[in-house]
């Protein structure tokens, strides 16, 4: 019976299991953060394309006359 060898093997197995558990925990956290970042980026792109671009175009079209009128008044006042 090799008691010292068995004890070393048990300690090595214990260390290995601790390191494996830490690696699994780290991977799970990183995977969650990556997926969360990807989801936020996807929602951001959707908002840019579907909400803000049409809103900016509509605002630009509706304020075109008002801005032109204000520009003409500013030119008349400033000379």
C-alpha atoms as a PDB file:
ATOM      1  CA  UNK A   1       0.000   0.000   0.000  1.00  0.00           C
ATOM      2  CA  UNK A   2       1.398   3.289  -1.091  1.00  0.00           C
ATOM      3  CA  UNK A   3      -0.264   5.695   1.330  1.00  0.00           C
ATOM      4  CA  UNK A   4       1.853   8.710   0.369  1.00  0.00           C
ATOM      5  CA  UNK A   5       1.138   8.215  -3.355  1.00  0.00           C
ATOM      6  CA  UNK A   6      -2.585   7.866  -2.696  1.00  0.00           C
ATOM      7  CA  UNK A   7      -2.547  10.984  -0.527  1.00  0.00           C
ATOM      8  CA  UNK A   8      -0.716  12.955  -3.235  1.00  0.00           C
ATOM      9  CA  UNK A   9      -3.203  11.715  -5.821  1.00  0.00           C
ATOM     10  CA  UNK A  10      -6.143  12.749  -3.596  1.00  0.00           C
ATOM     11  CA  UNK A  11      -4.653  16.228  -3.034  1.00  0.00           C
ATOM     12  CA  UNK A  12      -3.958  16.652  -6.759  1.00  0.00           C
ATOM     13  CA  UNK A  13      -7.505  15.562  -7.577  1.00  0.00           C
ATOM     14  CA  UNK A  14      -8.855  18.050  -5.035  1.00  0.00           C
ATOM     15  CA  UNK A  15      -6.796  20.903  -6.520  1.00  0.00           C
ATOM     16  CA  UNK A  16      -7.823  19.884 -10.032  1.00  0.00           C
ATOM     17  CA  UNK A  17     -11.517  19.906  -9.092  1.00  0.00           C
ATOM     18  CA  UNK A  18     -11.191  23.352  -7.474  1.00  0.00           C
ATOM     19  CA  UNK A  19      -9.446  24.780 -10.547  1.00  0.00           C
ATOM     20  CA  UNK A  20     -12.004  23.130 -12.838  1.00  0.00           C
ATOM     21  CA  UNK A  21     -14.874  24.611 -10.825  1.00  0.00           C
ATOM     22  CA  UNK A  22     -13.304  28.080 -10.947  1.00  0.00           C
ATOM     23  CA  UNK A  23     -12.779  27.783 -14.706  1.00  0.00           C
ATOM     24  CA  UNK A  24     -16.409  26.723 -15.206  1.00  0.00           C
ATOM     25  CA  UNK A  25     -17.612  29.630 -13.082  1.00  0.00           C
ATOM     26  CA  UNK A  26     -15.411  32.071 -14.998  1.00  0.00           C
ATOM     27  CA  UNK A  27     -16.618  30.720 -18.341  1.00  0.00           C
ATOM     28  CA  UNK A  28     -20.263  30.978 -17.268  1.00  0.00           C
ATOM     29  CA  UNK A  29     -19.825  34.596 -16.156  1.00  0.00           C
ATOM     30  CA  UNK A  30     -17.959  35.560 -19.321  1.00  0.00           C
ATOM     31  CA  UNK A  31     -20.545  33.830 -21.516  1.00  0.00           C
ATOM     32  CA  UNK A  32     -23.332  35.719 -19.752  1.00  0.00           C
ATOM     33  CA  UNK A  33     -21.548  39.047 -20.165  1.00  0.00           C
ATOM     34  CA  UNK A  34     -20.840  38.393 -23.840  1.00  0.00           C
ATOM     35  CA  UNK A  35     -24.459  37.431 -24.518  1.00  0.00           C
ATOM     36  CA  UNK A  36     -25.703  40.475 -22.610  1.00  0.00           C
ATOM     37  CA  UNK A  37     -23.404  42.755 -24.619  1.00  0.00           C
ATOM     38  CA  UNK A  38     -24.531  41.180 -27.881  1.00  0.00           C
ATOM     39  CA  UNK A  39     -28.193  41.616 -26.922  1.00  0.00           C
ATOM     40  CA  UNK A  40     -27.659  45.276 -26.005  1.00  0.00           C
ATOM     41  CA  UNK A  41     -25.830  45.896 -29.285  1.00  0.00           C
ATOM     42  CA  UNK A  42     -28.622  44.217 -31.271  1.00  0.00           C
ATOM     43  CA  UNK A  43     -31.301  46.302 -29.533  1.00  0.00           C
ATOM     44  CA  UNK A  44     -29.205  49.437 -30.088  1.00  0.00           C
ATOM     45  CA  UNK A  45     -28.904  48.738 -33.829  1.00  0.00           C
ATOM     46  CA  UNK A  46     -32.635  48.056 -34.068  1.00  0.00           C
ATOM     47  CA  UNK A  47     -33.432  51.351 -32.320  1.00  0.00           C
ATOM     48  CA  UNK A  48     -31.100  53.249 -34.629  1.00  0.00           C
ATOM     49  CA  UNK A  49     -32.599  51.738 -37.769  1.00  0.00           C
ATOM     50  CA  UNK A  50     -36.275  51.539 -36.801  1.00  0.00           C
ATOM     51  CA  UNK A  51     -36.885  54.411 -34.392  1.00  0.00           C
ATOM     52  CA  UNK A  52     -34.308  57.167 -34.622  1.00  0.00           C
ATOM     53  CA  UNK A  53     -33.674  57.299 -38.375  1.00  0.00           C
ATOM     54  CA  UNK A  54     -37.352  57.794 -39.315  1.00  0.00           C
ATOM     55  CA  UNK A  55     -37.787  60.216 -36.408  1.00  0.00           C
ATOM     56  CA  UNK A  56     -34.831  62.315 -37.559  1.00  0.00           C
ATOM     57  CA  UNK A  57     -36.102  62.302 -41.149  1.00  0.00           C
ATOM     58  CA  UNK A  58     -39.589  63.321 -40.054  1.00  0.00           C
ATOM     59  CA  UNK A  59     -38.252  66.091 -37.808  1.00  0.00           C
ATOM     60  CA  UNK A  60     -35.976  67.331 -40.569  1.00  0.00           C
ATOM     61  CA  UNK A  61     -38.848  67.416 -43.058  1.00  0.00           C
ATOM     62  CA  UNK A  62     -41.199  69.203 -40.661  1.00  0.00           C
ATOM     63  CA  UNK A  63     -38.663  71.818 -39.530  1.00  0.00           C
ATOM     64  CA  UNK A  64     -37.232  72.533 -42.974  1.00  0.00           C
ATOM     65  CA  UNK A  65     -39.530  75.527 -43.580  1.00  0.00           C
ATOM     66  CA  UNK A  66     -39.086  76.904 -40.044  1.00  0.00           C
ATOM     67  CA  UNK A  67     -35.290  76.705 -40.224  1.00  0.00           C
ATOM     68  CA  UNK A  68     -35.258  78.361 -43.649  1.00  0.00           C
ATOM     69  CA  UNK A  69     -37.508  81.155 -42.355  1.00  0.00           C
ATOM     70  CA  UNK A  70     -35.318  81.645 -39.250  1.00  0.00           C
ATOM     71  CA  UNK A  71     -32.203  81.753 -41.441  1.00  0.00           C
ATOM     72  CA  UNK A  72     -33.714  84.457 -43.652  1.00  0.00           C
ATOM     73  CA  UNK A  73     -34.737  86.516 -40.601  1.00  0.00           C
ATOM     74  CA  UNK A  74     -31.224  86.157 -39.151  1.00  0.00           C
ATOM     75  CA  UNK A  75     -29.707  87.347 -42.427  1.00  0.00           C
ATOM     76  CA  UNK A  76     -32.027  90.362 -42.497  1.00  0.00           C
ATOM     77  CA  UNK A  77     -31.286  91.283 -38.869  1.00  0.00           C
ATOM     78  CA  UNK A  78     -27.527  90.793 -39.071  1.00  0.00           C
ATOM     79  CA  UNK A  79     -27.304  92.378 -42.474  1.00  0.00           C
END
